[in-house]
Amino acid sequence: MQRAEQEALRADQRVVVSELAEALVARAPDGLEPQFRAAFDRAPDDRARKRVVVDQIAGLTDASARALHARLRPRSA
């Protein structure tokens, strides 16, 4: 049972990270923390800008990633 629960949690985490990345890329530089916004603005190309988004997401805790995800991609009722 625990193994199935862990796999479901990991699957949910993958969805959150993927949707968060999509939302941040679509809104960038809005939604980025100040230090990442500056790096985004200095990035020479799309690949480098996407790397900045990945770096911001990598620095988030699970709770902060979920909170940001909820702010950027609210669930429909």
PDB file of N, CA and C in Angstrom:
ATOM      1  N   MET A   1       0.821  -1.186   0.000  1.00  0.00           N
ATOM      2  CA  MET A   1       0.000   0.000   0.000  1.00  0.00           C
ATOM      3  C   MET A   1       0.870   1.257   0.000  1.00  0.00           C
ATOM      4  N   GLN A   2       1.889   1.263   0.833  1.00  0.00           N
ATOM      5  CA  GLN A   2       2.740   2.438   0.934  1.00  0.00           C
ATOM      6  C   GLN A   2       3.421   2.740  -0.402  1.00  0.00           C
ATOM      7  N   ARG A   3       3.833   1.712  -1.097  1.00  0.00           N
ATOM      8  CA  ARG A   3       4.494   1.910  -2.387  1.00  0.00           C
ATOM      9  C   ARG A   3       3.556   2.589  -3.388  1.00  0.00           C
ATOM     10  N   ALA A   4       2.307   2.171  -3.423  1.00  0.00           N
ATOM     11  CA  ALA A   4       1.325   2.784  -4.319  1.00  0.00           C
ATOM     12  C   ALA A   4       1.079   4.239  -3.931  1.00  0.00           C
ATOM     13  N   GLU A   5       1.029   4.517  -2.644  1.00  0.00           N
ATOM     14  CA  GLU A   5       0.833   5.895  -2.178  1.00  0.00           C
ATOM     15  C   GLU A   5       2.014   6.772  -2.588  1.00  0.00           C
ATOM     16  N   GLN A   6       3.212   6.254  -2.452  1.00  0.00           N
ATOM     17  CA  GLN A   6       4.403   7.012  -2.836  1.00  0.00           C
ATOM     18  C   GLN A   6       4.425   7.279  -4.342  1.00  0.00           C
ATOM     19  N   GLU A   7       4.041   6.295  -5.124  1.00  0.00           N
ATOM     20  CA  GLU A   7       4.010   6.489  -6.574  1.00  0.00           C
ATOM     21  C   GLU A   7       2.960   7.528  -6.952  1.00  0.00           C
ATOM     22  N   ALA A   8       1.818   7.511  -6.291  1.00  0.00           N
ATOM     23  CA  ALA A   8       0.784   8.514  -6.556  1.00  0.00           C
ATOM     24  C   ALA A   8       1.286   9.909  -6.177  1.00  0.00           C
ATOM     25  N   LEU A   9       2.003  10.015  -5.067  1.00  0.00           N
ATOM     26  CA  LEU A   9       2.562  11.295  -4.650  1.00  0.00           C
ATOM     27  C   LEU A   9       3.577  11.798  -5.673  1.00  0.00           C
ATOM     28  N   ARG A  10       4.456  10.917  -6.137  1.00  0.00           N
ATOM     29  CA  ARG A  10       5.457  11.316  -7.142  1.00  0.00           C
ATOM     30  C   ARG A  10       4.784  11.744  -8.448  1.00  0.00           C
ATOM     31  N   ALA A  11       3.741  11.043  -8.836  1.00  0.00           N
ATOM     32  CA  ALA A  11       3.018  11.412 -10.059  1.00  0.00           C
ATOM     33  C   ALA A  11       2.399  12.794  -9.910  1.00  0.00           C
ATOM     34  N   ASP A  12       1.818  13.061  -8.761  1.00  0.00           N
ATOM     35  CA  ASP A  12       1.242  14.378  -8.496  1.00  0.00           C
ATOM     36  C   ASP A  12       2.320  15.461  -8.504  1.00  0.00           C
ATOM     37  N   GLN A  13       3.464  15.167  -7.918  1.00  0.00           N
ATOM     38  CA  GLN A  13       4.571  16.125  -7.904  1.00  0.00           C
ATOM     39  C   GLN A  13       5.051  16.436  -9.322  1.00  0.00           C
ATOM     40  N   ARG A  14       5.100  15.421 -10.173  1.00  0.00           N
ATOM     41  CA  ARG A  14       5.509  15.645 -11.565  1.00  0.00           C
ATOM     42  C   ARG A  14       4.530  16.585 -12.276  1.00  0.00           C
ATOM     43  N   VAL A  15       3.250  16.401 -12.015  1.00  0.00           N
ATOM     44  CA  VAL A  15       2.239  17.273 -12.621  1.00  0.00           C
ATOM     45  C   VAL A  15       2.421  18.708 -12.134  1.00  0.00           C
ATOM     46  N   VAL A  16       2.607  18.890 -10.827  1.00  0.00           N
ATOM     47  CA  VAL A  16       2.781  20.228 -10.263  1.00  0.00           C
ATOM     48  C   VAL A  16       4.002  20.905 -10.884  1.00  0.00           C
ATOM     49  N   VAL A  17       5.123  20.213 -10.930  1.00  0.00           N
ATOM     50  CA  VAL A  17       6.352  20.803 -11.476  1.00  0.00           C
ATOM     51  C   VAL A  17       6.181  21.128 -12.961  1.00  0.00           C
ATOM     52  N   SER A  18       5.589  20.238 -13.705  1.00  0.00           N
ATOM     53  CA  SER A  18       5.391  20.466 -15.133  1.00  0.00           C
ATOM     54  C   SER A  18       4.472  21.665 -15.386  1.00  0.00           C
ATOM     55  N   GLU A  19       3.349  21.700 -14.699  1.00  0.00           N
ATOM     56  CA  GLU A  19       2.409  22.809 -14.872  1.00  0.00           C
ATOM     57  C   GLU A  19       3.002  24.128 -14.372  1.00  0.00           C
ATOM     58  N   LEU A  20       3.758  24.048 -13.305  1.00  0.00           N
ATOM     59  CA  LEU A  20       4.409  25.244 -12.780  1.00  0.00           C
ATOM     60  C   LEU A  20       5.414  25.791 -13.795  1.00  0.00           C
ATOM     61  N   ALA A  21       6.196  24.924 -14.388  1.00  0.00           N
ATOM     62  CA  ALA A  21       7.158  25.346 -15.407  1.00  0.00           C
ATOM     63  C   ALA A  21       6.442  25.990 -16.586  1.00  0.00           C
ATOM     64  N   GLU A  22       5.370  25.373 -17.055  1.00  0.00           N
ATOM     65  CA  GLU A  22       4.611  25.931 -18.173  1.00  0.00           C
ATOM     66  C   GLU A  22       4.071  27.321 -17.827  1.00  0.00           C
ATOM     67  N   ALA A  23       3.521  27.451 -16.628  1.00  0.00           N
ATOM     68  CA  ALA A  23       2.939  28.729 -16.209  1.00  0.00           C
ATOM     69  C   ALA A  23       4.006  29.809 -16.077  1.00  0.00           C
ATOM     70  N   LEU A  24       5.147  29.460 -15.499  1.00  0.00           N
ATOM     71  CA  LEU A  24       6.215  30.451 -15.332  1.00  0.00           C
ATOM     72  C   LEU A  24       6.798  30.875 -16.676  1.00  0.00           C
ATOM     73  N   VAL A  25       7.002  29.937 -17.570  1.00  0.00           N
ATOM     74  CA  VAL A  25       7.526  30.277 -18.899  1.00  0.00           C
ATOM     75  C   VAL A  25       6.535  31.179 -19.630  1.00  0.00           C
ATOM     76  N   ALA A  26       5.257  30.873 -19.530  1.00  0.00           N
ATOM     77  CA  ALA A  26       4.239  31.668 -20.226  1.00  0.00           C
ATOM     78  C   ALA A  26       4.150  33.094 -19.683  1.00  0.00           C
ATOM     79  N   ARG A  27       4.408  33.267 -18.373  1.00  0.00           N
ATOM     80  CA  ARG A  27       4.257  34.581 -17.748  1.00  0.00           C
ATOM     81  C   ARG A  27       5.571  35.345 -17.601  1.00  0.00           C
ATOM     82  N   ALA A  28       6.670  34.667 -17.781  1.00  0.00           N
ATOM     83  CA  ALA A  28       7.980  35.259 -17.495  1.00  0.00           C
ATOM     84  C   ALA A  28       8.177  36.552 -18.256  1.00  0.00           C
ATOM     85  N   PRO A  29       8.814  37.511 -17.630  1.00  0.00           N
ATOM     86  CA  PRO A  29       9.481  37.434 -16.344  1.00  0.00           C
ATOM     87  C   PRO A  29       8.548  37.613 -15.141  1.00  0.00           C
ATOM     88  N   ASP A  30       7.264  37.948 -15.394  1.00  0.00           N
ATOM     89  CA  ASP A  30       6.328  38.037 -14.270  1.00  0.00           C
ATOM     90  C   ASP A  30       6.226  36.667 -13.596  1.00  0.00           C
ATOM     91  N   GLY A  31       6.136  36.673 -12.291  1.00  0.00           N
ATOM     92  CA  GLY A  31       6.041  35.430 -11.537  1.00  0.00           C
ATOM     93  C   GLY A  31       7.380  34.912 -11.044  1.00  0.00           C
ATOM     94  N   LEU A  32       8.465  35.439 -11.598  1.00  0.00           N
ATOM     95  CA  LEU A  32       9.786  35.014 -11.151  1.00  0.00           C
ATOM     96  C   LEU A  32      10.228  35.836  -9.949  1.00  0.00           C
ATOM     97  N   GLU A  33      10.950  35.199  -9.039  1.00  0.00           N
ATOM     98  CA  GLU A  33      11.520  35.916  -7.905  1.00  0.00           C
ATOM     99  C   GLU A  33      12.563  36.905  -8.438  1.00  0.00           C
ATOM    100  N   PRO A  34      12.816  37.988  -7.690  1.00  0.00           N
ATOM    101  CA  PRO A  34      13.689  39.063  -8.209  1.00  0.00           C
ATOM    102  C   PRO A  34      15.030  38.590  -8.766  1.00  0.00           C
ATOM    103  N   GLN A  35      15.737  37.718  -8.054  1.00  0.00           N
ATOM    104  CA  GLN A  35      17.049  37.301  -8.555  1.00  0.00           C
ATOM    105  C   GLN A  35      16.929  36.489  -9.847  1.00  0.00           C
ATOM    106  N   PHE A  36      15.838  35.748  -9.993  1.00  0.00           N
ATOM    107  CA  PHE A  36      15.641  34.983 -11.218  1.00  0.00           C
ATOM    108  C   PHE A  36      15.126  35.874 -12.345  1.00  0.00           C
ATOM    109  N   ARG A  37      14.364  36.881 -11.980  1.00  0.00           N
ATOM    110  CA  ARG A  37      13.895  37.828 -12.979  1.00  0.00           C
ATOM    111  C   ARG A  37      15.089  38.542 -13.623  1.00  0.00           C
ATOM    112  N   ALA A  38      16.044  38.948 -12.805  1.00  0.00           N
ATOM    113  CA  ALA A  38      17.244  39.610 -13.326  1.00  0.00           C
ATOM    114  C   ALA A  38      18.021  38.659 -14.244  1.00  0.00           C
ATOM    115  N   ALA A  39      18.160  37.412 -13.827  1.00  0.00           N
ATOM    116  CA  ALA A  39      18.865  36.426 -14.654  1.00  0.00           C
ATOM    117  C   ALA A  39      18.095  36.168 -15.953  1.00  0.00           C
ATOM    118  N   PHE A  40      16.788  36.133 -15.861  1.00  0.00           N
ATOM    119  CA  PHE A  40      15.951  35.936 -17.050  1.00  0.00           C
ATOM    120  C   PHE A  40      16.170  37.080 -18.036  1.00  0.00           C
ATOM    121  N   ASP A  41      16.187  38.296 -17.517  1.00  0.00           N
ATOM    122  CA  ASP A  41      16.380  39.469 -18.369  1.00  0.00           C
ATOM    123  C   ASP A  41      17.755  39.477 -19.043  1.00  0.00           C
ATOM    124  N   ARG A  42      18.756  38.914 -18.378  1.00  0.00           N
ATOM    125  CA  ARG A  42      20.119  38.862 -18.932  1.00  0.00           C
ATOM    126  C   ARG A  42      20.343  37.663 -19.850  1.00  0.00           C
ATOM    127  N   ALA A  43      19.440  36.690 -19.823  1.00  0.00           N
ATOM    128  CA  ALA A  43      19.638  35.451 -20.587  1.00  0.00           C
ATOM    129  C   ALA A  43      19.695  35.755 -22.088  1.00  0.00           C
ATOM    130  N   PRO A  44      20.655  35.156 -22.781  1.00  0.00           N
ATOM    131  CA  PRO A  44      20.858  35.479 -24.197  1.00  0.00           C
ATOM    132  C   PRO A  44      19.868  34.818 -25.161  1.00  0.00           C
ATOM    133  N   ASP A  45      19.183  33.756 -24.726  1.00  0.00           N
ATOM    134  CA  ASP A  45      18.290  33.052 -25.650  1.00  0.00           C
ATOM    135  C   ASP A  45      17.210  32.294 -24.874  1.00  0.00           C
ATOM    136  N   ASP A  46      16.291  31.683 -25.615  1.00  0.00           N
ATOM    137  CA  ASP A  46      15.177  30.959 -24.980  1.00  0.00           C
ATOM    138  C   ASP A  46      15.652  29.808 -24.094  1.00  0.00           C
ATOM    139  N   ARG A  47      16.673  29.113 -24.543  1.00  0.00           N
ATOM    140  CA  ARG A  47      17.189  27.996 -23.743  1.00  0.00           C
ATOM    141  C   ARG A  47      17.682  28.492 -22.383  1.00  0.00           C
ATOM    142  N   ALA A  48      18.410  29.567 -22.380  1.00  0.00           N
ATOM    143  CA  ALA A  48      18.928  30.135 -21.129  1.00  0.00           C
ATOM    144  C   ALA A  48      17.788  30.663 -20.257  1.00  0.00           C
ATOM    145  N   ARG A  49      16.765  31.239 -20.885  1.00  0.00           N
ATOM    146  CA  ARG A  49      15.620  31.722 -20.109  1.00  0.00           C
ATOM    147  C   ARG A  49      14.873  30.561 -19.469  1.00  0.00           C
ATOM    148  N   LYS A  50      14.705  29.465 -20.187  1.00  0.00           N
ATOM    149  CA  LYS A  50      14.054  28.282 -19.606  1.00  0.00           C
ATOM    150  C   LYS A  50      14.885  27.724 -18.455  1.00  0.00           C
ATOM    151  N   ARG A  51      16.186  27.795 -18.576  1.00  0.00           N
ATOM    152  CA  ARG A  51      17.065  27.328 -17.499  1.00  0.00           C
ATOM    153  C   ARG A  51      16.840  28.152 -16.232  1.00  0.00           C
ATOM    154  N   VAL A  52      16.616  29.437 -16.381  1.00  0.00           N
ATOM    155  CA  VAL A  52      16.343  30.301 -15.227  1.00  0.00           C
ATOM    156  C   VAL A  52      15.056  29.852 -14.541  1.00  0.00           C
ATOM    157  N   VAL A  53      14.044  29.534 -15.326  1.00  0.00           N
ATOM    158  CA  VAL A  53      12.779  29.046 -14.751  1.00  0.00           C
ATOM    159  C   VAL A  53      13.017  27.738 -14.002  1.00  0.00           C
ATOM    160  N   VAL A  54      13.771  26.836 -14.594  1.00  0.00           N
ATOM    161  CA  VAL A  54      14.091  25.562 -13.938  1.00  0.00           C
ATOM    162  C   VAL A  54      14.852  25.803 -12.644  1.00  0.00           C
ATOM    163  N   ASP A  55      15.787  26.740 -12.658  1.00  0.00           N
ATOM    164  CA  ASP A  55      16.556  27.045 -11.446  1.00  0.00           C
ATOM    165  C   ASP A  55      15.645  27.550 -10.329  1.00  0.00           C
ATOM    166  N   GLN A  56      14.674  28.397 -10.675  1.00  0.00           N
ATOM    167  CA  GLN A  56      13.754  28.871  -9.637  1.00  0.00           C
ATOM    168  C   GLN A  56      12.947  27.712  -9.071  1.00  0.00           C
ATOM    169  N   ILE A  57      12.420  26.874  -9.927  1.00  0.00           N
ATOM    170  CA  ILE A  57      11.611  25.741  -9.463  1.00  0.00           C
ATOM    171  C   ILE A  57      12.456  24.805  -8.602  1.00  0.00           C
ATOM    172  N   ALA A  58      13.695  24.586  -8.995  1.00  0.00           N
ATOM    173  CA  ALA A  58      14.577  23.686  -8.242  1.00  0.00           C
ATOM    174  C   ALA A  58      14.829  24.186  -6.825  1.00  0.00           C
ATOM    175  N   GLY A  59      14.755  25.480  -6.621  1.00  0.00           N
ATOM    176  CA  GLY A  59      14.999  26.045  -5.305  1.00  0.00           C
ATOM    177  C   GLY A  59      13.773  26.074  -4.401  1.00  0.00           C
ATOM    178  N   LEU A  60      12.638  25.651  -4.920  1.00  0.00           N
ATOM    179  CA  LEU A  60      11.411  25.685  -4.129  1.00  0.00           C
ATOM    180  C   LEU A  60      11.272  24.444  -3.247  1.00  0.00           C
ATOM    181  N   THR A  61      10.677  24.627  -2.099  1.00  0.00           N
ATOM    182  CA  THR A  61      10.277  23.473  -1.288  1.00  0.00           C
ATOM    183  C   THR A  61       8.997  22.914  -1.882  1.00  0.00           C
ATOM    184  N   ASP A  62       8.598  21.730  -1.438  1.00  0.00           N
ATOM    185  CA  ASP A  62       7.329  21.166  -1.906  1.00  0.00           C
ATOM    186  C   ASP A  62       6.177  22.123  -1.617  1.00  0.00           C
ATOM    187  N   ALA A  63       6.161  22.661  -0.409  1.00  0.00           N
ATOM    188  CA  ALA A  63       5.063  23.552  -0.012  1.00  0.00           C
ATOM    189  C   ALA A  63       5.061  24.835  -0.839  1.00  0.00           C
ATOM    190  N   SER A  64       6.232  25.424  -1.053  1.00  0.00           N
ATOM    191  CA  SER A  64       6.266  26.671  -1.824  1.00  0.00           C
ATOM    192  C   SER A  64       5.949  26.415  -3.299  1.00  0.00           C
ATOM    193  N   ALA A  65       6.331  25.269  -3.819  1.00  0.00           N
ATOM    194  CA  ALA A  65       5.987  24.925  -5.204  1.00  0.00           C
ATOM    195  C   ALA A  65       4.478  24.776  -5.353  1.00  0.00           C
ATOM    196  N   ARG A  66       3.862  24.110  -4.394  1.00  0.00           N
ATOM    197  CA  ARG A  66       2.402  23.942  -4.450  1.00  0.00           C
ATOM    198  C   ARG A  66       1.684  25.280  -4.303  1.00  0.00           C
ATOM    199  N   ALA A  67       2.187  26.140  -3.434  1.00  0.00           N
ATOM    200  CA  ALA A  67       1.558  27.451  -3.244  1.00  0.00           C
ATOM    201  C   ALA A  67       1.672  28.291  -4.514  1.00  0.00           C
ATOM    202  N   LEU A  68       2.841  28.304  -5.122  1.00  0.00           N
ATOM    203  CA  LEU A  68       3.033  29.061  -6.355  1.00  0.00           C
ATOM    204  C   LEU A  68       2.181  28.470  -7.473  1.00  0.00           C
ATOM    205  N   HIS A  69       2.128  27.167  -7.555  1.00  0.00           N
ATOM    206  CA  HIS A  69       1.298  26.482  -8.546  1.00  0.00           C
ATOM    207  C   HIS A  69      -0.162  26.886  -8.377  1.00  0.00           C
ATOM    208  N   ALA A  70      -0.634  26.905  -7.146  1.00  0.00           N
ATOM    209  CA  ALA A  70      -2.027  27.277  -6.885  1.00  0.00           C
ATOM    210  C   ALA A  70      -2.292  28.727  -7.288  1.00  0.00           C
ATOM    211  N   ARG A  71      -1.326  29.604  -7.061  1.00  0.00           N
ATOM    212  CA  ARG A  71      -1.488  31.008  -7.447  1.00  0.00           C
ATOM    213  C   ARG A  71      -1.496  31.189  -8.963  1.00  0.00           C
ATOM    214  N   LEU A  72      -0.624  30.460  -9.637  1.00  0.00           N
ATOM    215  CA  LEU A  72      -0.485  30.652 -11.084  1.00  0.00           C
ATOM    216  C   LEU A  72      -1.479  29.828 -11.903  1.00  0.00           C
ATOM    217  N   ARG A  73      -1.910  28.720 -11.353  1.00  0.00           N
ATOM    218  CA  ARG A  73      -2.822  27.821 -12.079  1.00  0.00           C
ATOM    219  C   ARG A  73      -3.951  27.388 -11.157  1.00  0.00           C
ATOM    220  N   PRO A  74      -4.833  28.314 -10.796  1.00  0.00           N
ATOM    221  CA  PRO A  74      -5.922  27.932  -9.899  1.00  0.00           C
ATOM    222  C   PRO A  74      -6.804  26.858 -10.525  1.00  0.00           C
ATOM    223  N   ARG A  75      -7.245  25.966  -9.686  1.00  0.00           N
ATOM    224  CA  ARG A  75      -8.123  24.882 -10.169  1.00  0.00           C
ATOM    225  C   ARG A  75      -9.515  25.432 -10.446  1.00  0.00           C
ATOM    226  N   SER A  76     -10.125  24.898 -11.495  1.00  0.00           N
ATOM    227  CA  SER A  76     -11.491  25.338 -11.775  1.00  0.00           C
ATOM    228  C   SER A  76     -12.465  24.633 -10.838  1.00  0.00           C
ATOM    229  N   ALA A  77     -13.527  25.316 -10.541  1.00  0.00           N
ATOM    230  CA  ALA A  77     -14.519  24.785  -9.587  1.00  0.00           C
ATOM    231  C   ALA A  77     -15.473  23.840 -10.251  1.00  0.00           C
TER     232      ALA A  77
END
